[in-house]
Amino acid sequence: MSERTFTDPLASEFYRQGASELESAQSAEAVLRKAEAFGQKDARTEIMQSAFYFLAAAHFLEGRNAGDSAQAYHQAARQLHRIGHFTQAGRAYSNAGRLAEHAAQAAASPSSRHDLQHLAVRSYSRANHCFAEVGELDWSQTEYLNERNARVTWAKMEGKHPWAQLAWKFTSNYGTSFSRWGLWVVGTIGLFSLLYELFFHLRWLQPMETDAVAPWIPFWSAVYYSVNVTAALGLVDYQPTHVISQGVVIVNVLAGYILLGIGIGIIGRMIRHR
């Protein structure tokens, strides 16, 4: 096992003790039992010893049993969080999620795959919160994305079809990418603009019965119409008269509401993280 160093001398000593016992026994069972026993205490020193014994076992098990290593990382992170080592806890939770996903892919039984993938979801979620607590927002966002992707995989394992989650991913990377959302908005407006221009020439868009109807300006009026329908403003002088054009307007309105909701979510997330 490679030597690892920590800024806290006491933490380094506990890790070294655990690693030495692991090397002697070539088994993690005894060290894990000691880590569990220390973790049941309330004294800070014993909780720290539990955390770094769990870490030593997790490192030892990485190349031997990814699932057990993930469990050990998860337990180490829980103890580190108890004593306020949030950054180290976040890293341990992140490692737990990564290894649990890897183990889930290789697991033979469906129940094992399900349990390991569920562990990955929980670990990534807690890593996200640990990093957020210390202001490591880039790391927090990375773990948030890892959690969302793990949830999609977990849903598929349960026989569900996470279409909403996948749509959220493709349109805004789970509410984290304003630029991707903007491209979808522009693309939606552009697509429906072309359709409305076609419908006008097919006479599937007719002016309303009013004296103040604005003349149709090629392409510009189609863009104006698309923006109004997408934003559900209703400031239009033409109405769909064919069943196809009416159906397209309905789809356009629904797409607009979805994109608006995603946009509000992105802005809210940006405000919370500032």
C-alpha atoms as a PDB file:
ATOM      1  CA  MET A   1       0.000   0.000   0.000  1.00  0.00           C
ATOM      2  CA  SER A   2       1.390   3.408  -0.947  1.00  0.00           C
ATOM      3  CA  GLU A   3       2.159   5.834   1.869  1.00  0.00           C
ATOM      4  CA  ARG A   4      -0.365   8.655   2.281  1.00  0.00           C
ATOM      5  CA  THR A   5       0.170  11.812   4.284  1.00  0.00           C
ATOM      6  CA  PHE A   6      -2.320  14.129   5.999  1.00  0.00           C
ATOM      7  CA  THR A   7      -1.883  17.624   7.393  1.00  0.00           C
ATOM      8  CA  ASP A   8      -3.039  16.532  10.859  1.00  0.00           C
ATOM      9  CA  PRO A   9      -0.209  14.537  12.579  1.00  0.00           C
ATOM     10  CA  LEU A  10      -2.738  12.565  14.639  1.00  0.00           C
ATOM     11  CA  ALA A  11      -4.680  11.628  11.509  1.00  0.00           C
ATOM     12  CA  SER A  12      -1.454  10.491   9.839  1.00  0.00           C
ATOM     13  CA  GLU A  13      -0.601   8.343  12.835  1.00  0.00           C
ATOM     14  CA  PHE A  14      -4.047   6.687  12.902  1.00  0.00           C
ATOM     15  CA  TYR A  15      -3.879   6.036   9.163  1.00  0.00           C
ATOM     16  CA  ARG A  16      -0.370   4.570   9.507  1.00  0.00           C
ATOM     17  CA  GLN A  17      -1.545   2.270  12.305  1.00  0.00           C
ATOM     18  CA  GLY A  18      -4.462   1.023  10.236  1.00  0.00           C
ATOM     19  CA  ALA A  19      -2.305   0.528   7.149  1.00  0.00           C
ATOM     20  CA  SER A  20       0.297  -1.384   9.179  1.00  0.00           C
ATOM     21  CA  GLU A  21      -2.358  -3.759  10.548  1.00  0.00           C
ATOM     22  CA  LEU A  22      -3.753  -4.284   7.052  1.00  0.00           C
ATOM     23  CA  GLU A  23      -0.331  -5.115   5.639  1.00  0.00           C
ATOM     24  CA  SER A  24       0.329  -7.588   8.425  1.00  0.00           C
ATOM     25  CA  ALA A  25      -3.006  -9.381   8.178  1.00  0.00           C
ATOM     26  CA  GLN A  26      -3.592  -8.941   4.423  1.00  0.00           C
ATOM     27  CA  SER A  27      -7.264  -8.672   5.366  1.00  0.00           C
ATOM     28  CA  ALA A  28      -9.460  -5.688   6.164  1.00  0.00           C
ATOM     29  CA  GLU A  29     -11.872  -7.451   8.524  1.00  0.00           C
ATOM     30  CA  ALA A  30     -10.075  -6.699  11.794  1.00  0.00           C
ATOM     31  CA  VAL A  31      -9.397  -3.067  10.900  1.00  0.00           C
ATOM     32  CA  LEU A  32     -13.013  -2.538   9.834  1.00  0.00           C
ATOM     33  CA  ARG A  33     -14.254  -3.995  13.126  1.00  0.00           C
ATOM     34  CA  LYS A  34     -11.976  -1.644  15.061  1.00  0.00           C
ATOM     35  CA  ALA A  35     -13.111   1.302  12.937  1.00  0.00           C
ATOM     36  CA  GLU A  36     -16.752   0.482  13.661  1.00  0.00           C
ATOM     37  CA  ALA A  37     -16.047   0.209  17.385  1.00  0.00           C
ATOM     38  CA  PHE A  38     -14.204   3.541  17.503  1.00  0.00           C
ATOM     39  CA  GLY A  39     -17.025   5.154  15.518  1.00  0.00           C
ATOM     40  CA  GLN A  40     -19.539   4.256  18.208  1.00  0.00           C
ATOM     41  CA  LYS A  41     -17.711   6.480  20.689  1.00  0.00           C
ATOM     42  CA  ASP A  42     -18.334  10.188  21.229  1.00  0.00           C
ATOM     43  CA  ALA A  43     -14.769  11.381  21.845  1.00  0.00           C
ATOM     44  CA  ARG A  44     -13.296  13.345  18.935  1.00  0.00           C
ATOM     45  CA  THR A  45     -10.017  11.388  19.016  1.00  0.00           C
ATOM     46  CA  GLU A  46     -11.799   8.058  18.735  1.00  0.00           C
ATOM     47  CA  ILE A  47     -14.055   9.312  15.934  1.00  0.00           C
ATOM     48  CA  MET A  48     -10.939  10.463  14.088  1.00  0.00           C
ATOM     49  CA  GLN A  49      -9.304   7.079  14.610  1.00  0.00           C
ATOM     50  CA  SER A  50     -12.436   5.437  13.217  1.00  0.00           C
ATOM     51  CA  ALA A  51     -12.369   7.700  10.148  1.00  0.00           C
ATOM     52  CA  PHE A  52      -8.737   7.030   9.279  1.00  0.00           C
ATOM     53  CA  TYR A  53      -8.970   3.311   9.967  1.00  0.00           C
ATOM     54  CA  PHE A  54     -11.898   3.253   7.536  1.00  0.00           C
ATOM     55  CA  LEU A  55      -9.821   5.252   5.039  1.00  0.00           C
ATOM     56  CA  ALA A  56      -6.888   2.867   5.343  1.00  0.00           C
ATOM     57  CA  ALA A  57      -9.226  -0.087   4.766  1.00  0.00           C
ATOM     58  CA  ALA A  58     -10.862   1.668   1.799  1.00  0.00           C
ATOM     59  CA  HIS A  59      -7.480   2.259   0.132  1.00  0.00           C
ATOM     60  CA  PHE A  60      -6.426  -1.332   0.852  1.00  0.00           C
ATOM     61  CA  LEU A  61      -9.644  -2.732  -0.682  1.00  0.00           C
ATOM     62  CA  GLU A  62      -9.704  -0.560  -3.820  1.00  0.00           C
ATOM     63  CA  GLY A  63      -7.924  -3.097  -6.012  1.00  0.00           C
ATOM     64  CA  ARG A  64      -9.427  -6.103  -4.246  1.00  0.00           C
ATOM     65  CA  ASN A  65     -13.141  -5.470  -3.773  1.00  0.00           C
ATOM     66  CA  ALA A  66     -14.614  -2.237  -5.151  1.00  0.00           C
ATOM     67  CA  GLY A  67     -17.933  -2.692  -3.367  1.00  0.00           C
ATOM     68  CA  ASP A  68     -16.370  -3.164   0.076  1.00  0.00           C
ATOM     69  CA  SER A  69     -14.002  -0.279  -0.622  1.00  0.00           C
ATOM     70  CA  ALA A  70     -16.969   1.953  -1.460  1.00  0.00           C
ATOM     71  CA  GLN A  71     -18.655   1.018   1.840  1.00  0.00           C
ATOM     72  CA  ALA A  72     -15.446   1.783   3.748  1.00  0.00           C
ATOM     73  CA  TYR A  73     -15.062   5.159   2.027  1.00  0.00           C
ATOM     74  CA  HIS A  74     -18.687   5.973   2.842  1.00  0.00           C
ATOM     75  CA  GLN A  75     -18.182   5.134   6.523  1.00  0.00           C
ATOM     76  CA  ALA A  76     -14.922   7.108   6.620  1.00  0.00           C
ATOM     77  CA  ALA A  77     -16.700  10.125   5.168  1.00  0.00           C
ATOM     78  CA  ARG A  78     -19.479   9.868   7.743  1.00  0.00           C
ATOM     79  CA  GLN A  79     -16.965   9.959  10.599  1.00  0.00           C
ATOM     80  CA  LEU A  80     -14.977  12.791   8.980  1.00  0.00           C
ATOM     81  CA  HIS A  81     -18.163  14.814   8.689  1.00  0.00           C
ATOM     82  CA  ARG A  82     -18.861  14.262  12.391  1.00  0.00           C
ATOM     83  CA  ILE A  83     -15.592  15.994  13.320  1.00  0.00           C
ATOM     84  CA  GLY A  84     -15.979  18.812  10.795  1.00  0.00           C
ATOM     85  CA  HIS A  85     -13.479  17.656   8.159  1.00  0.00           C
ATOM     86  CA  PHE A  86     -15.895  18.527   5.367  1.00  0.00           C
ATOM     87  CA  THR A  87     -13.465  18.644   2.442  1.00  0.00           C
ATOM     88  CA  GLN A  88     -11.955  15.256   3.312  1.00  0.00           C
ATOM     89  CA  ALA A  89     -15.453  13.897   3.882  1.00  0.00           C
ATOM     90  CA  GLY A  90     -16.525  15.146   0.462  1.00  0.00           C
ATOM     91  CA  ARG A  91     -13.572  13.462  -1.209  1.00  0.00           C
ATOM     92  CA  ALA A  92     -14.262  10.194   0.609  1.00  0.00           C
ATOM     93  CA  TYR A  93     -17.951  10.311  -0.351  1.00  0.00           C
ATOM     94  CA  SER A  94     -16.938  11.017  -3.955  1.00  0.00           C
ATOM     95  CA  ASN A  95     -14.627   7.999  -3.968  1.00  0.00           C
ATOM     96  CA  ALA A  96     -17.411   5.906  -2.467  1.00  0.00           C
ATOM     97  CA  GLY A  97     -19.754   6.919  -5.276  1.00  0.00           C
ATOM     98  CA  ARG A  98     -17.181   6.227  -7.987  1.00  0.00           C
ATOM     99  CA  LEU A  99     -16.293   2.781  -6.663  1.00  0.00           C
ATOM    100  CA  ALA A 100     -19.915   1.849  -5.955  1.00  0.00           C
ATOM    101  CA  GLU A 101     -20.843   2.624  -9.568  1.00  0.00           C
ATOM    102  CA  HIS A 102     -17.899   0.582 -10.801  1.00  0.00           C
ATOM    103  CA  ALA A 103     -18.875  -2.329  -8.556  1.00  0.00           C
ATOM    104  CA  ALA A 104     -22.526  -2.074  -9.626  1.00  0.00           C
ATOM    105  CA  GLN A 105     -21.539  -2.508 -13.267  1.00  0.00           C
ATOM    106  CA  ALA A 106     -19.609  -5.682 -12.430  1.00  0.00           C
ATOM    107  CA  ALA A 107     -22.083  -7.158  -9.926  1.00  0.00           C
ATOM    108  CA  ALA A 108     -23.633 -10.477 -10.860  1.00  0.00           C
ATOM    109  CA  SER A 109     -27.007 -10.257  -9.093  1.00  0.00           C
ATOM    110  CA  PRO A 110     -29.660  -7.583  -9.748  1.00  0.00           C
ATOM    111  CA  SER A 111     -30.091  -6.928  -6.007  1.00  0.00           C
ATOM    112  CA  SER A 112     -26.366  -6.246  -5.591  1.00  0.00           C
ATOM    113  CA  ARG A 113     -26.353  -3.907  -8.589  1.00  0.00           C
ATOM    114  CA  HIS A 114     -29.354  -2.061  -7.184  1.00  0.00           C
ATOM    115  CA  ASP A 115     -27.837  -1.684  -3.681  1.00  0.00           C
ATOM    116  CA  LEU A 116     -24.453  -0.527  -4.991  1.00  0.00           C
ATOM    117  CA  GLN A 117     -26.009   1.985  -7.376  1.00  0.00           C
ATOM    118  CA  HIS A 118     -28.169   3.302  -4.545  1.00  0.00           C
ATOM    119  CA  LEU A 119     -25.003   3.692  -2.462  1.00  0.00           C
ATOM    120  CA  ALA A 120     -23.455   5.663  -5.332  1.00  0.00           C
ATOM    121  CA  VAL A 121     -26.437   8.033  -5.439  1.00  0.00           C
ATOM    122  CA  ARG A 122     -26.317   8.624  -1.675  1.00  0.00           C
ATOM    123  CA  SER A 123     -22.543   9.089  -1.664  1.00  0.00           C
ATOM    124  CA  TYR A 124     -22.529  11.631  -4.483  1.00  0.00           C
ATOM    125  CA  SER A 125     -25.373  13.535  -2.840  1.00  0.00           C
ATOM    126  CA  ARG A 126     -23.493  13.795   0.441  1.00  0.00           C
ATOM    127  CA  ALA A 127     -20.269  14.741  -1.339  1.00  0.00           C
ATOM    128  CA  ASN A 128     -22.183  17.581  -2.990  1.00  0.00           C
ATOM    129  CA  HIS A 129     -23.392  18.884   0.383  1.00  0.00           C
ATOM    130  CA  CYS A 130     -19.985  18.509   2.057  1.00  0.00           C
ATOM    131  CA  PHE A 131     -18.241  20.586  -0.612  1.00  0.00           C
ATOM    132  CA  ALA A 132     -21.054  23.160  -0.559  1.00  0.00           C
ATOM    133  CA  GLU A 133     -20.590  23.566   3.215  1.00  0.00           C
ATOM    134  CA  VAL A 134     -17.000  24.761   2.722  1.00  0.00           C
ATOM    135  CA  GLY A 135     -17.711  26.844  -0.388  1.00  0.00           C
ATOM    136  CA  GLU A 136     -16.069  24.485  -2.907  1.00  0.00           C
ATOM    137  CA  LEU A 137     -18.790  25.222  -5.459  1.00  0.00           C
ATOM    138  CA  ASP A 138     -17.067  23.743  -8.518  1.00  0.00           C
ATOM    139  CA  TRP A 139     -16.523  20.441  -6.708  1.00  0.00           C
ATOM    140  CA  SER A 140     -20.061  20.609  -5.353  1.00  0.00           C
ATOM    141  CA  GLN A 141     -21.468  21.003  -8.862  1.00  0.00           C
ATOM    142  CA  THR A 142     -19.384  18.098 -10.142  1.00  0.00           C
ATOM    143  CA  GLU A 143     -20.821  15.829  -7.445  1.00  0.00           C
ATOM    144  CA  TYR A 144     -24.323  17.137  -8.160  1.00  0.00           C
ATOM    145  CA  LEU A 145     -23.939  16.077 -11.793  1.00  0.00           C
ATOM    146  CA  ASN A 146     -22.493  12.723 -10.726  1.00  0.00           C
ATOM    147  CA  GLU A 147     -25.506  12.204  -8.472  1.00  0.00           C
ATOM    148  CA  ARG A 148     -27.989  13.040 -11.246  1.00  0.00           C
ATOM    149  CA  ASN A 149     -26.321  10.685 -13.709  1.00  0.00           C
ATOM    150  CA  ALA A 150     -26.238   7.963 -11.065  1.00  0.00           C
ATOM    151  CA  ARG A 151     -29.967   8.499 -10.437  1.00  0.00           C
ATOM    152  CA  VAL A 152     -30.704   7.952 -14.121  1.00  0.00           C
ATOM    153  CA  THR A 153     -28.777   4.664 -14.048  1.00  0.00           C
ATOM    154  CA  TRP A 154     -30.547   3.647 -10.826  1.00  0.00           C
ATOM    155  CA  ALA A 155     -33.960   4.384 -12.349  1.00  0.00           C
ATOM    156  CA  LYS A 156     -33.137   2.182 -15.335  1.00  0.00           C
ATOM    157  CA  MET A 157     -32.122  -0.616 -12.977  1.00  0.00           C
ATOM    158  CA  GLU A 158     -35.566  -0.360 -11.366  1.00  0.00           C
ATOM    159  CA  GLY A 159     -37.212  -0.739 -14.755  1.00  0.00           C
ATOM    160  CA  LYS A 160     -38.262   2.900 -14.975  1.00  0.00           C
ATOM    161  CA  HIS A 161     -37.817   5.205 -17.963  1.00  0.00           C
ATOM    162  CA  PRO A 162     -36.336   8.519 -16.734  1.00  0.00           C
ATOM    163  CA  TRP A 163     -37.391  10.537 -19.775  1.00  0.00           C
ATOM    164  CA  ALA A 164     -37.868  13.709 -17.743  1.00  0.00           C
ATOM    165  CA  GLN A 165     -34.378  13.413 -16.221  1.00  0.00           C
ATOM    166  CA  LEU A 166     -32.829  12.790 -19.644  1.00  0.00           C
ATOM    167  CA  ALA A 167     -34.693  15.750 -21.162  1.00  0.00           C
ATOM    168  CA  TRP A 168     -33.447  17.907 -18.283  1.00  0.00           C
ATOM    169  CA  LYS A 169     -29.912  16.679 -18.934  1.00  0.00           C
ATOM    170  CA  PHE A 170     -30.013  17.356 -22.670  1.00  0.00           C
ATOM    171  CA  THR A 171     -31.595  20.808 -22.374  1.00  0.00           C
ATOM    172  CA  SER A 172     -29.521  22.265 -19.524  1.00  0.00           C
ATOM    173  CA  ASN A 173     -27.235  19.584 -18.037  1.00  0.00           C
ATOM    174  CA  TYR A 174     -29.572  19.214 -15.051  1.00  0.00           C
ATOM    175  CA  GLY A 175     -30.100  22.943 -14.669  1.00  0.00           C
ATOM    176  CA  THR A 176     -26.416  23.894 -14.580  1.00  0.00           C
ATOM    177  CA  SER A 177     -25.748  25.084 -18.154  1.00  0.00           C
ATOM    178  CA  PHE A 178     -27.293  28.425 -19.099  1.00  0.00           C
ATOM    179  CA  SER A 179     -25.591  28.351 -22.517  1.00  0.00           C
ATOM    180  CA  ARG A 180     -27.019  24.928 -23.401  1.00  0.00           C
ATOM    181  CA  TRP A 181     -30.482  26.102 -22.363  1.00  0.00           C
ATOM    182  CA  GLY A 182     -30.037  29.243 -24.471  1.00  0.00           C
ATOM    183  CA  LEU A 183     -29.160  27.159 -27.517  1.00  0.00           C
ATOM    184  CA  TRP A 184     -32.309  25.090 -27.043  1.00  0.00           C
ATOM    185  CA  VAL A 185     -34.397  28.270 -26.790  1.00  0.00           C
ATOM    186  CA  VAL A 186     -32.865  29.703 -29.971  1.00  0.00           C
ATOM    187  CA  GLY A 187     -33.241  26.372 -31.747  1.00  0.00           C
ATOM    188  CA  THR A 188     -36.884  26.050 -30.684  1.00  0.00           C
ATOM    189  CA  ILE A 189     -37.715  29.553 -31.882  1.00  0.00           C
ATOM    190  CA  GLY A 190     -35.866  28.948 -35.154  1.00  0.00           C
ATOM    191  CA  LEU A 191     -37.625  25.631 -35.862  1.00  0.00           C
ATOM    192  CA  PHE A 192     -41.107  26.958 -35.185  1.00  0.00           C
ATOM    193  CA  SER A 193     -40.353  30.139 -37.145  1.00  0.00           C
ATOM    194  CA  LEU A 194     -39.727  28.034 -40.255  1.00  0.00           C
ATOM    195  CA  LEU A 195     -42.958  26.119 -39.665  1.00  0.00           C
ATOM    196  CA  TYR A 196     -45.010  29.291 -39.199  1.00  0.00           C
ATOM    197  CA  GLU A 197     -43.579  30.808 -42.346  1.00  0.00           C
ATOM    198  CA  LEU A 198     -44.618  27.656 -44.208  1.00  0.00           C
ATOM    199  CA  PHE A 199     -48.084  27.676 -42.627  1.00  0.00           C
ATOM    200  CA  PHE A 200     -48.655  31.278 -43.676  1.00  0.00           C
ATOM    201  CA  HIS A 201     -47.887  30.437 -47.300  1.00  0.00           C
ATOM    202  CA  LEU A 202     -50.167  27.396 -47.074  1.00  0.00           C
ATOM    203  CA  ARG A 203     -52.866  29.697 -45.622  1.00  0.00           C
ATOM    204  CA  TRP A 204     -52.948  27.659 -42.426  1.00  0.00           C
ATOM    205  CA  LEU A 205     -52.393  30.930 -40.528  1.00  0.00           C
ATOM    206  CA  GLN A 206     -55.127  33.490 -41.118  1.00  0.00           C
ATOM    207  CA  PRO A 207     -55.417  37.056 -39.852  1.00  0.00           C
ATOM    208  CA  MET A 208     -57.863  37.639 -37.065  1.00  0.00           C
ATOM    209  CA  GLU A 209     -61.031  39.584 -37.782  1.00  0.00           C
ATOM    210  CA  THR A 210     -59.842  42.995 -36.659  1.00  0.00           C
ATOM    211  CA  ASP A 211     -59.026  46.271 -38.327  1.00  0.00           C
ATOM    212  CA  ALA A 212     -55.581  46.475 -36.719  1.00  0.00           C
ATOM    213  CA  VAL A 213     -54.015  43.336 -38.178  1.00  0.00           C
ATOM    214  CA  ALA A 214     -50.333  43.838 -38.916  1.00  0.00           C
ATOM    215  CA  PRO A 215     -49.211  42.736 -42.392  1.00  0.00           C
ATOM    216  CA  TRP A 216     -47.153  39.564 -42.583  1.00  0.00           C
ATOM    217  CA  ILE A 217     -43.483  40.397 -43.134  1.00  0.00           C
ATOM    218  CA  PRO A 218     -41.601  37.409 -44.600  1.00  0.00           C
ATOM    219  CA  PHE A 219     -39.515  35.578 -41.979  1.00  0.00           C
ATOM    220  CA  TRP A 220     -39.642  38.428 -39.457  1.00  0.00           C
ATOM    221  CA  SER A 221     -43.335  37.869 -38.712  1.00  0.00           C
ATOM    222  CA  ALA A 222     -42.678  34.134 -38.373  1.00  0.00           C
ATOM    223  CA  VAL A 223     -39.947  34.797 -35.798  1.00  0.00           C
ATOM    224  CA  TYR A 224     -42.217  37.257 -33.975  1.00  0.00           C
ATOM    225  CA  TYR A 225     -45.032  34.699 -33.956  1.00  0.00           C
ATOM    226  CA  SER A 226     -42.702  31.944 -32.690  1.00  0.00           C
ATOM    227  CA  VAL A 227     -41.322  34.105 -29.866  1.00  0.00           C
ATOM    228  CA  ASN A 228     -44.830  35.091 -28.764  1.00  0.00           C
ATOM    229  CA  VAL A 229     -46.134  31.530 -28.762  1.00  0.00           C
ATOM    230  CA  THR A 230     -43.003  30.148 -27.067  1.00  0.00           C
ATOM    231  CA  ALA A 231     -43.258  32.789 -24.351  1.00  0.00           C
ATOM    232  CA  ALA A 232     -47.069  32.326 -24.153  1.00  0.00           C
ATOM    233  CA  LEU A 233     -47.604  36.079 -24.546  1.00  0.00           C
ATOM    234  CA  GLY A 234     -50.510  35.844 -27.004  1.00  0.00           C
ATOM    235  CA  LEU A 235     -49.590  39.086 -28.800  1.00  0.00           C
ATOM    236  CA  VAL A 236     -50.337  37.743 -32.282  1.00  0.00           C
ATOM    237  CA  ASP A 237     -52.676  38.849 -35.075  1.00  0.00           C
ATOM    238  CA  TYR A 238     -52.874  35.479 -36.831  1.00  0.00           C
ATOM    239  CA  GLN A 239     -54.601  32.312 -35.754  1.00  0.00           C
ATOM    240  CA  PRO A 240     -54.016  28.707 -36.871  1.00  0.00           C
ATOM    241  CA  THR A 241     -56.896  27.432 -39.014  1.00  0.00           C
ATOM    242  CA  HIS A 242     -55.687  23.946 -39.964  1.00  0.00           C
ATOM    243  CA  VAL A 243     -55.511  20.994 -37.608  1.00  0.00           C
ATOM    244  CA  ILE A 244     -51.774  20.594 -38.280  1.00  0.00           C
ATOM    245  CA  SER A 245     -50.949  24.234 -37.588  1.00  0.00           C
ATOM    246  CA  GLN A 246     -53.128  24.112 -34.463  1.00  0.00           C
ATOM    247  CA  GLY A 247     -51.267  21.005 -33.259  1.00  0.00           C
ATOM    248  CA  VAL A 248     -47.898  22.683 -33.888  1.00  0.00           C
ATOM    249  CA  VAL A 249     -48.979  25.730 -31.852  1.00  0.00           C
ATOM    250  CA  ILE A 250     -49.971  23.443 -28.976  1.00  0.00           C
ATOM    251  CA  VAL A 251     -46.565  21.720 -29.080  1.00  0.00           C
ATOM    252  CA  ASN A 252     -44.859  25.117 -29.260  1.00  0.00           C
ATOM    253  CA  VAL A 253     -46.729  26.353 -26.171  1.00  0.00           C
ATOM    254  CA  LEU A 254     -45.860  23.213 -24.191  1.00  0.00           C
ATOM    255  CA  ALA A 255     -42.197  23.441 -25.222  1.00  0.00           C
ATOM    256  CA  GLY A 256     -42.197  27.089 -24.189  1.00  0.00           C
ATOM    257  CA  TYR A 257     -43.529  26.297 -20.714  1.00  0.00           C
ATOM    258  CA  ILE A 258     -40.933  23.555 -20.256  1.00  0.00           C
ATOM    259  CA  LEU A 259     -38.066  25.808 -21.362  1.00  0.00           C
ATOM    260  CA  LEU A 260     -39.367  28.643 -19.180  1.00  0.00           C
ATOM    261  CA  GLY A 261     -39.471  26.350 -16.136  1.00  0.00           C
ATOM    262  CA  ILE A 262     -35.948  25.120 -16.799  1.00  0.00           C
ATOM    263  CA  GLY A 263     -34.720  28.691 -17.249  1.00  0.00           C
ATOM    264  CA  ILE A 264     -36.240  29.774 -13.935  1.00  0.00           C
ATOM    265  CA  GLY A 265     -34.602  26.777 -12.274  1.00  0.00           C
ATOM    266  CA  ILE A 266     -31.189  27.681 -13.724  1.00  0.00           C
ATOM    267  CA  ILE A 267     -31.469  31.283 -12.551  1.00  0.00           C
ATOM    268  CA  GLY A 268     -32.599  30.166  -9.085  1.00  0.00           C
ATOM    269  CA  ARG A 269     -29.642  27.774  -8.841  1.00  0.00           C
ATOM    270  CA  MET A 270     -27.233  30.530  -9.936  1.00  0.00           C
ATOM    271  CA  ILE A 271     -28.613  32.885  -7.275  1.00  0.00           C
ATOM    272  CA  ARG A 272     -28.337  30.245  -4.531  1.00  0.00           C
ATOM    273  CA  HIS A 273     -24.688  29.583  -5.395  1.00  0.00           C
ATOM    274  CA  ARG A 274     -23.609  33.214  -5.450  1.00  0.00           C
END
